[in-house]
Amino acid sequence: MFNLFMKLLTPEKRALFELILRVTSKLDTAEERKDAANYCLEILDDGRVSPVEWAKFGKKLGVFRLSN
């Protein structure tokens, strides 16, 4: 079923979905995954992502740390 779903996606959306799967697999808990996904949807809502939003998203993914 999953393979059929992937075949129905455009190549760009398939690549994005695969990236999302790889990134979220690095998060430890369902709560971390949900929080990161919700924030991603929030920052993509207006179709633009600022550098500050990217930094916050990277922090949620555990890519890097931000100092206050």
C-alpha atoms as a PDB file:
ATOM      1  CA  MET A   1       0.000   0.000   0.000  1.00  0.00           C
ATOM      2  CA  PHE A   2       2.812   2.397   0.910  1.00  0.00           C
ATOM      3  CA  ASN A   3       4.606   1.779  -2.391  1.00  0.00           C
ATOM      4  CA  LEU A   4       1.400   2.479  -4.309  1.00  0.00           C
ATOM      5  CA  PHE A   5       0.982   5.746  -2.412  1.00  0.00           C
ATOM      6  CA  MET A   6       4.561   6.753  -3.231  1.00  0.00           C
ATOM      7  CA  LYS A   7       4.063   5.977  -6.935  1.00  0.00           C
ATOM      8  CA  LEU A   8       1.040   8.275  -7.053  1.00  0.00           C
ATOM      9  CA  LEU A   9       3.076  11.269  -5.863  1.00  0.00           C
ATOM     10  CA  THR A  10       4.889  13.616  -8.208  1.00  0.00           C
ATOM     11  CA  PRO A  11       8.696  13.198  -8.104  1.00  0.00           C
ATOM     12  CA  GLU A  12       9.040  16.448  -6.149  1.00  0.00           C
ATOM     13  CA  LYS A  13       6.455  15.453  -3.551  1.00  0.00           C
ATOM     14  CA  ARG A  14       7.927  11.938  -3.329  1.00  0.00           C
ATOM     15  CA  ALA A  15      11.370  13.411  -2.592  1.00  0.00           C
ATOM     16  CA  LEU A  16       9.888  15.737   0.027  1.00  0.00           C
ATOM     17  CA  PHE A  17       7.990  12.871   1.658  1.00  0.00           C
ATOM     18  CA  GLU A  18      11.136  10.709   1.747  1.00  0.00           C
ATOM     19  CA  LEU A  19      13.044  13.576   3.336  1.00  0.00           C
ATOM     20  CA  ILE A  20      10.330  14.003   5.948  1.00  0.00           C
ATOM     21  CA  LEU A  21      10.461  10.286   6.756  1.00  0.00           C
ATOM     22  CA  ARG A  22      14.244  10.365   7.182  1.00  0.00           C
ATOM     23  CA  VAL A  23      14.164  13.479   9.365  1.00  0.00           C
ATOM     24  CA  THR A  24      11.310  12.372  11.602  1.00  0.00           C
ATOM     25  CA  SER A  25      12.876   8.947  12.102  1.00  0.00           C
ATOM     26  CA  LYS A  26      15.650  10.750  14.024  1.00  0.00           C
ATOM     27  CA  LEU A  27      13.172  12.136  16.592  1.00  0.00           C
ATOM     28  CA  ASP A  28      12.810   9.918  19.643  1.00  0.00           C
ATOM     29  CA  THR A  29       9.204  10.268  20.721  1.00  0.00           C
ATOM     30  CA  ALA A  30       5.833  10.641  19.071  1.00  0.00           C
ATOM     31  CA  GLU A  31       5.471  13.960  20.902  1.00  0.00           C
ATOM     32  CA  GLU A  32       8.705  15.286  19.336  1.00  0.00           C
ATOM     33  CA  ARG A  33       7.558  14.170  15.875  1.00  0.00           C
ATOM     34  CA  LYS A  34       4.132  15.745  16.323  1.00  0.00           C
ATOM     35  CA  ASP A  35       5.603  19.000  17.622  1.00  0.00           C
ATOM     36  CA  ALA A  36       8.024  19.237  14.677  1.00  0.00           C
ATOM     37  CA  ALA A  37       5.314  18.393  12.138  1.00  0.00           C
ATOM     38  CA  ASN A  38       2.887  20.940  13.593  1.00  0.00           C
ATOM     39  CA  TYR A  39       5.547  23.646  13.596  1.00  0.00           C
ATOM     40  CA  CYS A  40       6.445  22.818   9.987  1.00  0.00           C
ATOM     41  CA  LEU A  41       2.812  23.194   8.939  1.00  0.00           C
ATOM     42  CA  GLU A  42       2.611  26.467  10.869  1.00  0.00           C
ATOM     43  CA  ILE A  43       5.650  28.033   9.207  1.00  0.00           C
ATOM     44  CA  LEU A  44       4.599  26.853   5.737  1.00  0.00           C
ATOM     45  CA  ASP A  45       1.095  28.298   6.116  1.00  0.00           C
ATOM     46  CA  ASP A  46       1.909  31.577   4.371  1.00  0.00           C
ATOM     47  CA  GLY A  47       4.114  29.940   1.722  1.00  0.00           C
ATOM     48  CA  ARG A  48       7.296  31.544   3.043  1.00  0.00           C
ATOM     49  CA  VAL A  49       9.821  30.490   5.650  1.00  0.00           C
ATOM     50  CA  SER A  50      12.052  33.104   7.258  1.00  0.00           C
ATOM     51  CA  PRO A  51      15.612  32.348   8.410  1.00  0.00           C
ATOM     52  CA  VAL A  52      14.438  32.588  12.031  1.00  0.00           C
ATOM     53  CA  GLU A  53      11.658  30.056  11.353  1.00  0.00           C
ATOM     54  CA  TRP A  54      14.168  27.708   9.676  1.00  0.00           C
ATOM     55  CA  ALA A  55      16.422  28.020  12.726  1.00  0.00           C
ATOM     56  CA  LYS A  56      13.582  27.215  15.116  1.00  0.00           C
ATOM     57  CA  PHE A  57      12.539  24.268  12.940  1.00  0.00           C
ATOM     58  CA  GLY A  58      16.118  22.999  12.888  1.00  0.00           C
ATOM     59  CA  LYS A  59      16.204  23.211  16.669  1.00  0.00           C
ATOM     60  CA  LYS A  60      12.996  21.159  16.923  1.00  0.00           C
ATOM     61  CA  LEU A  61      14.570  18.552  14.637  1.00  0.00           C
ATOM     62  CA  GLY A  62      17.696  18.445  16.781  1.00  0.00           C
ATOM     63  CA  VAL A  63      19.857  19.705  13.921  1.00  0.00           C
ATOM     64  CA  PHE A  64      21.436  22.435  16.017  1.00  0.00           C
ATOM     65  CA  ARG A  65      20.974  24.405  19.214  1.00  0.00           C
ATOM     66  CA  LEU A  66      19.956  28.031  19.517  1.00  0.00           C
ATOM     67  CA  SER A  67      21.205  30.168  22.349  1.00  0.00           C
ATOM     68  CA  ASN A  68      18.875  32.727  23.931  1.00  0.00           C
END
